[in-house]
Amino acid sequence: MTVYDFERKPVKTRKKHWCLYCGEVIPVGADGVKCESGFCEDGPFREYVCARCAPYANEFAEWCDGWCESLSELFFEFMDERHPGWRDE
């Protein structure tokens, strides 16, 4: 049985994480957002989003109807379509 918590909470990371959307490293002490956590077959998990991607999380979820198979690929497609030039920022 899998249990999820999708409440987004701003955090300052205590260890290195990877952004769920862009895959970039969120270094120790950086601002980020804990976007989901819970328990699955493999045990407890937490997913984080970097400060750069966090403002687009809700818009992205609407764009892909809340479910995406290859998250980072679709996130890049979404950002290129809706926010051209974002990679240069």
PDB file of N, CA and C in Angstrom:
ATOM      1  N   MET A   1       0.837  -1.183   0.000  1.00  0.00           N
ATOM      2  CA  MET A   1       0.000   0.000   0.000  1.00  0.00           C
ATOM      3  C   MET A   1       0.882   1.246   0.000  1.00  0.00           C
ATOM      4  N   THR A   2       0.540   2.204  -0.827  1.00  0.00           N
ATOM      5  CA  THR A   2       1.304   3.439  -0.922  1.00  0.00           C
ATOM      6  C   THR A   2       0.511   4.578  -0.297  1.00  0.00           C
ATOM      7  N   VAL A   3       1.179   5.379   0.512  1.00  0.00           N
ATOM      8  CA  VAL A   3       0.553   6.529   1.160  1.00  0.00           C
ATOM      9  C   VAL A   3       1.331   7.761   0.740  1.00  0.00           C
ATOM     10  N   TYR A   4       0.623   8.781   0.233  1.00  0.00           N
ATOM     11  CA  TYR A   4       1.263  10.009  -0.248  1.00  0.00           C
ATOM     12  C   TYR A   4       0.801  11.215   0.548  1.00  0.00           C
ATOM     13  N   ASP A   5       1.666  12.208   0.641  1.00  0.00           N
ATOM     14  CA  ASP A   5       1.320  13.530   1.159  1.00  0.00           C
ATOM     15  C   ASP A   5       1.820  14.508   0.107  1.00  0.00           C
ATOM     16  N   PHE A   6       0.896  15.203  -0.561  1.00  0.00           N
ATOM     17  CA  PHE A   6       1.279  16.127  -1.630  1.00  0.00           C
ATOM     18  C   PHE A   6       1.363  17.575  -1.164  1.00  0.00           C
ATOM     19  N   GLU A   7       1.344  17.797   0.145  1.00  0.00           N
ATOM     20  CA  GLU A   7       1.428  19.162   0.650  1.00  0.00           C
ATOM     21  C   GLU A   7       2.819  19.726   0.372  1.00  0.00           C
ATOM     22  N   ARG A   8       2.862  20.885  -0.262  1.00  0.00           N
ATOM     23  CA  ARG A   8       4.154  21.512  -0.573  1.00  0.00           C
ATOM     24  C   ARG A   8       4.570  22.388   0.599  1.00  0.00           C
ATOM     25  N   LYS A   9       5.807  22.204   1.027  1.00  0.00           N
ATOM     26  CA  LYS A   9       6.331  22.962   2.163  1.00  0.00           C
ATOM     27  C   LYS A   9       7.698  23.519   1.809  1.00  0.00           C
ATOM     28  N   PRO A  10       7.904  24.837   2.003  1.00  0.00           N
ATOM     29  CA  PRO A  10       9.245  25.406   1.781  1.00  0.00           C
ATOM     30  C   PRO A  10      10.222  24.808   2.791  1.00  0.00           C
ATOM     31  N   VAL A  11      11.403  24.497   2.331  1.00  0.00           N
ATOM     32  CA  VAL A  11      12.428  23.919   3.206  1.00  0.00           C
ATOM     33  C   VAL A  11      13.786  24.523   2.888  1.00  0.00           C
ATOM     34  N   LYS A  12      14.688  24.396   3.833  1.00  0.00           N
ATOM     35  CA  LYS A  12      16.106  24.647   3.607  1.00  0.00           C
ATOM     36  C   LYS A  12      16.745  23.276   3.779  1.00  0.00           C
ATOM     37  N   THR A  13      17.362  22.786   2.731  1.00  0.00           N
ATOM     38  CA  THR A  13      17.825  21.399   2.738  1.00  0.00           C
ATOM     39  C   THR A  13      18.939  21.158   3.760  1.00  0.00           C
ATOM     40  N   ARG A  14      18.888  19.991   4.372  1.00  0.00           N
ATOM     41  CA  ARG A  14      19.918  19.595   5.340  1.00  0.00           C
ATOM     42  C   ARG A  14      20.927  18.659   4.712  1.00  0.00           C
ATOM     43  N   LYS A  15      20.576  18.116   3.536  1.00  0.00           N
ATOM     44  CA  LYS A  15      21.511  17.289   2.788  1.00  0.00           C
ATOM     45  C   LYS A  15      21.236  17.502   1.304  1.00  0.00           C
ATOM     46  N   LYS A  16      22.083  16.958   0.473  1.00  0.00           N
ATOM     47  CA  LYS A  16      21.953  17.141  -0.974  1.00  0.00           C
ATOM     48  C   LYS A  16      20.736  16.351  -1.475  1.00  0.00           C
ATOM     49  N   HIS A  17      19.951  16.984  -2.348  1.00  0.00           N
ATOM     50  CA  HIS A  17      18.810  16.340  -2.997  1.00  0.00           C
ATOM     51  C   HIS A  17      18.874  16.655  -4.485  1.00  0.00           C
ATOM     52  N   TRP A  18      18.028  16.009  -5.266  1.00  0.00           N
ATOM     53  CA  TRP A  18      17.911  16.300  -6.682  1.00  0.00           C
ATOM     54  C   TRP A  18      16.509  16.776  -6.951  1.00  0.00           C
ATOM     55  N   CYS A  19      16.386  17.797  -7.797  1.00  0.00           N
ATOM     56  CA  CYS A  19      15.085  18.363  -8.138  1.00  0.00           C
ATOM     57  C   CYS A  19      14.262  17.333  -8.911  1.00  0.00           C
ATOM     58  N   LEU A  20      13.046  17.143  -8.485  1.00  0.00           N
ATOM     59  CA  LEU A  20      12.133  16.200  -9.130  1.00  0.00           C
ATOM     60  C   LEU A  20      11.868  16.579 -10.578  1.00  0.00           C
ATOM     61  N   TYR A  21      11.882  17.873 -10.896  1.00  0.00           N
ATOM     62  CA  TYR A  21      11.533  18.341 -12.232  1.00  0.00           C
ATOM     63  C   TYR A  21      12.726  18.476 -13.172  1.00  0.00           C
ATOM     64  N   CYS A  22      13.753  19.204 -12.770  1.00  0.00           N
ATOM     65  CA  CYS A  22      14.868  19.444 -13.696  1.00  0.00           C
ATOM     66  C   CYS A  22      16.034  18.490 -13.479  1.00  0.00           C
ATOM     67  N   GLY A  23      16.076  17.803 -12.331  1.00  0.00           N
ATOM     68  CA  GLY A  23      17.149  16.860 -12.063  1.00  0.00           C
ATOM     69  C   GLY A  23      18.425  17.483 -11.533  1.00  0.00           C
ATOM     70  N   GLU A  24      18.457  18.804 -11.406  1.00  0.00           N
ATOM     71  CA  GLU A  24      19.654  19.477 -10.890  1.00  0.00           C
ATOM     72  C   GLU A  24      19.813  19.209  -9.397  1.00  0.00           C
ATOM     73  N   VAL A  25      21.031  19.326  -8.918  1.00  0.00           N
ATOM     74  CA  VAL A  25      21.314  19.134  -7.495  1.00  0.00           C
ATOM     75  C   VAL A  25      20.779  20.326  -6.704  1.00  0.00           C
ATOM     76  N   ILE A  26      20.136  20.025  -5.592  1.00  0.00           N
ATOM     77  CA  ILE A  26      19.745  21.050  -4.610  1.00  0.00           C
ATOM     78  C   ILE A  26      20.766  20.892  -3.483  1.00  0.00           C
ATOM     79  N   PRO A  27      21.718  21.806  -3.375  1.00  0.00           N
ATOM     80  CA  PRO A  27      22.807  21.615  -2.409  1.00  0.00           C
ATOM     81  C   PRO A  27      22.351  21.799  -0.957  1.00  0.00           C
ATOM     82  N   VAL A  28      23.185  21.356  -0.050  1.00  0.00           N
ATOM     83  CA  VAL A  28      22.938  21.525   1.377  1.00  0.00           C
ATOM     84  C   VAL A  28      22.747  23.010   1.679  1.00  0.00           C
ATOM     85  N   GLY A  29      21.718  23.341   2.449  1.00  0.00           N
ATOM     86  CA  GLY A  29      21.456  24.720   2.858  1.00  0.00           C
ATOM     87  C   GLY A  29      20.700  25.559   1.851  1.00  0.00           C
ATOM     88  N   ALA A  30      20.338  24.978   0.717  1.00  0.00           N
ATOM     89  CA  ALA A  30      19.623  25.738  -0.312  1.00  0.00           C
ATOM     90  C   ALA A  30      18.126  25.755  -0.024  1.00  0.00           C
ATOM     91  N   ASP A  31      17.463  26.771  -0.562  1.00  0.00           N
ATOM     92  CA  ASP A  31      16.008  26.823  -0.488  1.00  0.00           C
ATOM     93  C   ASP A  31      15.433  25.862  -1.512  1.00  0.00           C
ATOM     94  N   GLY A  32      14.375  25.218  -1.133  1.00  0.00           N
ATOM     95  CA  GLY A  32      13.685  24.301  -2.026  1.00  0.00           C
ATOM     96  C   GLY A  32      12.277  24.087  -1.510  1.00  0.00           C
ATOM     97  N   VAL A  33      11.585  23.157  -2.100  1.00  0.00           N
ATOM     98  CA  VAL A  33      10.226  22.837  -1.684  1.00  0.00           C
ATOM     99  C   VAL A  33      10.107  21.319  -1.601  1.00  0.00           C
ATOM    100  N   LYS A  34       9.640  20.839  -0.448  1.00  0.00           N
ATOM    101  CA  LYS A  34       9.315  19.413  -0.350  1.00  0.00           C
ATOM    102  C   LYS A  34       7.934  19.274  -0.964  1.00  0.00           C
ATOM    103  N   CYS A  35       7.830  18.557  -2.079  1.00  0.00           N
ATOM    104  CA  CYS A  35       6.561  18.541  -2.796  1.00  0.00           C
ATOM    105  C   CYS A  35       5.747  17.285  -2.572  1.00  0.00           C
ATOM    106  N   GLU A  36       6.382  16.192  -2.212  1.00  0.00           N
ATOM    107  CA  GLU A  36       5.606  15.009  -1.865  1.00  0.00           C
ATOM    108  C   GLU A  36       6.448  14.095  -1.005  1.00  0.00           C
ATOM    109  N   SER A  37       5.766  13.334  -0.182  1.00  0.00           N
ATOM    110  CA  SER A  37       6.427  12.364   0.671  1.00  0.00           C
ATOM    111  C   SER A  37       5.434  11.266   0.989  1.00  0.00           C
ATOM    112  N   GLY A  38       5.926  10.191   1.522  1.00  0.00           N
ATOM    113  CA  GLY A  38       5.036   9.100   1.877  1.00  0.00           C
ATOM    114  C   GLY A  38       5.772   7.798   2.040  1.00  0.00           C
ATOM    115  N   PHE A  39       5.022   6.730   1.927  1.00  0.00           N
ATOM    116  CA  PHE A  39       5.553   5.387   2.049  1.00  0.00           C
ATOM    117  C   PHE A  39       5.098   4.582   0.849  1.00  0.00           C
ATOM    118  N   CYS A  40       5.998   3.801   0.295  1.00  0.00           N
ATOM    119  CA  CYS A  40       5.652   2.912  -0.814  1.00  0.00           C
ATOM    120  C   CYS A  40       6.249   1.546  -0.537  1.00  0.00           C
ATOM    121  N   GLU A  41       6.199   0.667  -1.503  1.00  0.00           N
ATOM    122  CA  GLU A  41       6.717  -0.688  -1.337  1.00  0.00           C
ATOM    123  C   GLU A  41       8.184  -0.691  -0.906  1.00  0.00           C
ATOM    124  N   ASP A  42       8.952   0.320  -1.350  1.00  0.00           N
ATOM    125  CA  ASP A  42      10.380   0.396  -1.042  1.00  0.00           C
ATOM    126  C   ASP A  42      10.683   1.135   0.251  1.00  0.00           C
ATOM    127  N   GLY A  43       9.667   1.608   0.960  1.00  0.00           N
ATOM    128  CA  GLY A  43       9.868   2.334   2.209  1.00  0.00           C
ATOM    129  C   GLY A  43       9.515   3.804   2.069  1.00  0.00           C
ATOM    130  N   PRO A  44       9.941   4.622   3.034  1.00  0.00           N
ATOM    131  CA  PRO A  44       9.600   6.045   3.009  1.00  0.00           C
ATOM    132  C   PRO A  44      10.333   6.783   1.886  1.00  0.00           C
ATOM    133  N   PHE A  45       9.709   7.859   1.400  1.00  0.00           N
ATOM    134  CA  PHE A  45      10.355   8.680   0.368  1.00  0.00           C
ATOM    135  C   PHE A  45       9.960  10.139   0.555  1.00  0.00           C
ATOM    136  N   ARG A  46      10.799  11.022   0.023  1.00  0.00           N
ATOM    137  CA  ARG A  46      10.532  12.461  -0.048  1.00  0.00           C
ATOM    138  C   ARG A  46      11.044  12.947  -1.388  1.00  0.00           C
ATOM    139  N   GLU A  47      10.279  13.793  -2.032  1.00  0.00           N
ATOM    140  CA  GLU A  47      10.685  14.390  -3.306  1.00  0.00           C
ATOM    141  C   GLU A  47      10.787  15.899  -3.121  1.00  0.00           C
ATOM    142  N   TYR A  48      11.840  16.492  -3.684  1.00  0.00           N
ATOM    143  CA  TYR A  48      12.097  17.923  -3.545  1.00  0.00           C
ATOM    144  C   TYR A  48      12.137  18.596  -4.909  1.00  0.00           C
ATOM    145  N   VAL A  49      11.799  19.879  -4.908  1.00  0.00           N
ATOM    146  CA  VAL A  49      11.854  20.709  -6.115  1.00  0.00           C
ATOM    147  C   VAL A  49      12.740  21.903  -5.791  1.00  0.00           C
ATOM    148  N   CYS A  50      13.635  22.255  -6.717  1.00  0.00           N
ATOM    149  CA  CYS A  50      14.535  23.388  -6.482  1.00  0.00           C
ATOM    150  C   CYS A  50      13.768  24.711  -6.557  1.00  0.00           C
ATOM    151  N   ALA A  51      14.373  25.754  -6.017  1.00  0.00           N
ATOM    152  CA  ALA A  51      13.735  27.071  -5.982  1.00  0.00           C
ATOM    153  C   ALA A  51      13.454  27.598  -7.392  1.00  0.00           C
ATOM    154  N   ARG A  52      14.250  27.207  -8.367  1.00  0.00           N
ATOM    155  CA  ARG A  52      14.056  27.663  -9.752  1.00  0.00           C
ATOM    156  C   ARG A  52      12.791  27.054 -10.369  1.00  0.00           C
ATOM    157  N   CYS A  53      12.517  25.774 -10.087  1.00  0.00           N
ATOM    158  CA  CYS A  53      11.365  25.081 -10.685  1.00  0.00           C
ATOM    159  C   CYS A  53      10.079  25.235  -9.873  1.00  0.00           C
ATOM    160  N   ALA A  54      10.202  25.466  -8.578  1.00  0.00           N
ATOM    161  CA  ALA A  54       9.034  25.503  -7.691  1.00  0.00           C
ATOM    162  C   ALA A  54       7.912  26.436  -8.158  1.00  0.00           C
ATOM    163  N   PRO A  55       8.207  27.641  -8.673  1.00  0.00           N
ATOM    164  CA  PRO A  55       7.111  28.521  -9.085  1.00  0.00           C
ATOM    165  C   PRO A  55       6.260  27.959 -10.224  1.00  0.00           C
ATOM    166  N   TYR A  56       6.775  26.968 -10.937  1.00  0.00           N
ATOM    167  CA  TYR A  56       6.059  26.416 -12.093  1.00  0.00           C
ATOM    168  C   TYR A  56       5.344  25.100 -11.783  1.00  0.00           C
ATOM    169  N   ALA A  57       5.458  24.603 -10.552  1.00  0.00           N
ATOM    170  CA  ALA A  57       4.938  23.272 -10.204  1.00  0.00           C
ATOM    171  C   ALA A  57       3.439  23.132 -10.448  1.00  0.00           C
ATOM    172  N   ASN A  58       2.649  24.075  -9.985  1.00  0.00           N
ATOM    173  CA  ASN A  58       1.194  23.974 -10.158  1.00  0.00           C
ATOM    174  C   ASN A  58       0.794  24.084 -11.620  1.00  0.00           C
ATOM    175  N   GLU A  59       1.401  25.024 -12.329  1.00  0.00           N
ATOM    176  CA  GLU A  59       1.096  25.199 -13.752  1.00  0.00           C
ATOM    177  C   GLU A  59       1.470  23.935 -14.535  1.00  0.00           C
ATOM    178  N   PHE A  60       2.599  23.331 -14.193  1.00  0.00           N
ATOM    179  CA  PHE A  60       3.030  22.106 -14.855  1.00  0.00           C
ATOM    180  C   PHE A  60       2.055  20.958 -14.578  1.00  0.00           C
ATOM    181  N   ALA A  61       1.602  20.834 -13.336  1.00  0.00           N
ATOM    182  CA  ALA A  61       0.656  19.768 -12.976  1.00  0.00           C
ATOM    183  C   ALA A  61      -0.634  19.901 -13.780  1.00  0.00           C
ATOM    184  N   GLU A  62      -1.101  21.127 -13.982  1.00  0.00           N
ATOM    185  CA  GLU A  62      -2.304  21.357 -14.804  1.00  0.00           C
ATOM    186  C   GLU A  62      -2.023  21.012 -16.264  1.00  0.00           C
ATOM    187  N   TRP A  63      -0.845  21.395 -16.759  1.00  0.00           N
ATOM    188  CA  TRP A  63      -0.478  21.166 -18.156  1.00  0.00           C
ATOM    189  C   TRP A  63      -0.460  19.682 -18.493  1.00  0.00           C
ATOM    190  N   CYS A  64       0.041  18.857 -17.571  1.00  0.00           N
ATOM    191  CA  CYS A  64       0.116  17.417 -17.852  1.00  0.00           C
ATOM    192  C   CYS A  64      -1.012  16.646 -17.155  1.00  0.00           C
ATOM    193  N   ASP A  65      -2.069  17.335 -16.772  1.00  0.00           N
ATOM    194  CA  ASP A  65      -3.235  16.729 -16.122  1.00  0.00           C
ATOM    195  C   ASP A  65      -2.868  15.953 -14.859  1.00  0.00           C
ATOM    196  N   GLY A  66      -1.824  16.384 -14.172  1.00  0.00           N
ATOM    197  CA  GLY A  66      -1.467  15.810 -12.889  1.00  0.00           C
ATOM    198  C   GLY A  66      -0.722  14.494 -12.929  1.00  0.00           C
ATOM    199  N   TRP A  67      -0.526  13.910 -14.100  1.00  0.00           N
ATOM    200  CA  TRP A  67       0.189  12.635 -14.164  1.00  0.00           C
ATOM    201  C   TRP A  67       1.166  12.652 -15.331  1.00  0.00           C
ATOM    202  N   CYS A  68       2.399  12.327 -15.069  1.00  0.00           N
ATOM    203  CA  CYS A  68       3.420  12.348 -16.113  1.00  0.00           C
ATOM    204  C   CYS A  68       4.329  11.146 -15.950  1.00  0.00           C
ATOM    205  N   GLU A  69       4.548  10.421 -17.018  1.00  0.00           N
ATOM    206  CA  GLU A  69       5.414   9.241 -16.973  1.00  0.00           C
ATOM    207  C   GLU A  69       6.893   9.619 -16.841  1.00  0.00           C
ATOM    208  N   SER A  70       7.403  10.406 -17.757  1.00  0.00           N
ATOM    209  CA  SER A  70       8.812  10.817 -17.712  1.00  0.00           C
ATOM    210  C   SER A  70       8.846  12.287 -17.312  1.00  0.00           C
ATOM    211  N   LEU A  71       8.845  12.511 -16.024  1.00  0.00           N
ATOM    212  CA  LEU A  71       8.643  13.831 -15.453  1.00  0.00           C
ATOM    213  C   LEU A  71       9.600  14.886 -15.982  1.00  0.00           C
ATOM    214  N   SER A  72      10.904  14.648 -15.923  1.00  0.00           N
ATOM    215  CA  SER A  72      11.837  15.705 -16.324  1.00  0.00           C
ATOM    216  C   SER A  72      11.742  15.999 -17.813  1.00  0.00           C
ATOM    217  N   GLU A  73      11.552  14.978 -18.656  1.00  0.00           N
ATOM    218  CA  GLU A  73      11.392  15.226 -20.098  1.00  0.00           C
ATOM    219  C   GLU A  73      10.180  16.107 -20.367  1.00  0.00           C
ATOM    220  N   LEU A  74       9.070  15.765 -19.747  1.00  0.00           N
ATOM    221  CA  LEU A  74       7.847  16.559 -19.941  1.00  0.00           C
ATOM    222  C   LEU A  74       7.975  17.950 -19.341  1.00  0.00           C
ATOM    223  N   PHE A  75       8.693  18.057 -18.221  1.00  0.00           N
ATOM    224  CA  PHE A  75       8.882  19.375 -17.619  1.00  0.00           C
ATOM    225  C   PHE A  75       9.661  20.282 -18.565  1.00  0.00           C
ATOM    226  N   PHE A  76      10.717  19.753 -19.187  1.00  0.00           N
ATOM    227  CA  PHE A  76      11.484  20.550 -20.151  1.00  0.00           C
ATOM    228  C   PHE A  76      10.613  20.940 -21.341  1.00  0.00           C
ATOM    229  N   GLU A  77       9.794  20.029 -21.822  1.00  0.00           N
ATOM    230  CA  GLU A  77       8.881  20.326 -22.933  1.00  0.00           C
ATOM    231  C   GLU A  77       7.893  21.424 -22.536  1.00  0.00           C
ATOM    232  N   PHE A  78       7.316  21.291 -21.346  1.00  0.00           N
ATOM    233  CA  PHE A  78       6.389  22.292 -20.820  1.00  0.00           C
ATOM    234  C   PHE A  78       7.057  23.664 -20.720  1.00  0.00           C
ATOM    235  N   MET A  79       8.256  23.697 -20.130  1.00  0.00           N
ATOM    236  CA  MET A  79       8.940  24.977 -19.950  1.00  0.00           C
ATOM    237  C   MET A  79       9.312  25.607 -21.290  1.00  0.00           C
ATOM    238  N   ASP A  80       9.771  24.811 -22.250  1.00  0.00           N
ATOM    239  CA  ASP A  80      10.113  25.347 -23.568  1.00  0.00           C
ATOM    240  C   ASP A  80       8.879  25.897 -24.267  1.00  0.00           C
ATOM    241  N   GLU A  81       7.744  25.236 -24.082  1.00  0.00           N
ATOM    242  CA  GLU A  81       6.495  25.665 -24.715  1.00  0.00           C
ATOM    243  C   GLU A  81       5.911  26.902 -24.041  1.00  0.00           C
ATOM    244  N   ARG A  82       5.824  26.882 -22.725  1.00  0.00           N
ATOM    245  CA  ARG A  82       5.146  27.953 -21.987  1.00  0.00           C
ATOM    246  C   ARG A  82       6.057  29.085 -21.539  1.00  0.00           C
ATOM    247  N   HIS A  83       7.337  28.808 -21.366  1.00  0.00           N
ATOM    248  CA  HIS A  83       8.285  29.803 -20.833  1.00  0.00           C
ATOM    249  C   HIS A  83       9.582  29.766 -21.639  1.00  0.00           C
ATOM    250  N   PRO A  84       9.508  30.099 -22.944  1.00  0.00           N
ATOM    251  CA  PRO A  84      10.716  30.044 -23.779  1.00  0.00           C
ATOM    252  C   PRO A  84      11.835  30.912 -23.196  1.00  0.00           C
ATOM    253  N   GLY A  85      13.048  30.434 -23.305  1.00  0.00           N
ATOM    254  CA  GLY A  85      14.200  31.184 -22.789  1.00  0.00           C
ATOM    255  C   GLY A  85      14.502  30.898 -21.335  1.00  0.00           C
ATOM    256  N   TRP A  86      13.745  30.042 -20.688  1.00  0.00           N
ATOM    257  CA  TRP A  86      13.945  29.759 -19.267  1.00  0.00           C
ATOM    258  C   TRP A  86      15.307  29.149 -18.976  1.00  0.00           C
ATOM    259  N   ARG A  87      15.857  28.431 -19.959  1.00  0.00           N
ATOM    260  CA  ARG A  87      17.158  27.783 -19.738  1.00  0.00           C
ATOM    261  C   ARG A  87      18.293  28.816 -19.646  1.00  0.00           C
ATOM    262  N   ASP A  88      18.065  30.000 -20.191  1.00  0.00           N
ATOM    263  CA  ASP A  88      19.099  31.039 -20.194  1.00  0.00           C
ATOM    264  C   ASP A  88      19.098  31.866 -18.924  1.00  0.00           C
ATOM    265  N   GLU A  89      18.077  31.709 -18.089  1.00  0.00           N
ATOM    266  CA  GLU A  89      17.959  32.536 -16.875  1.00  0.00           C
ATOM    267  C   GLU A  89      18.957  32.137 -15.829  1.00  0.00           C
TER     268      GLU A  89
END
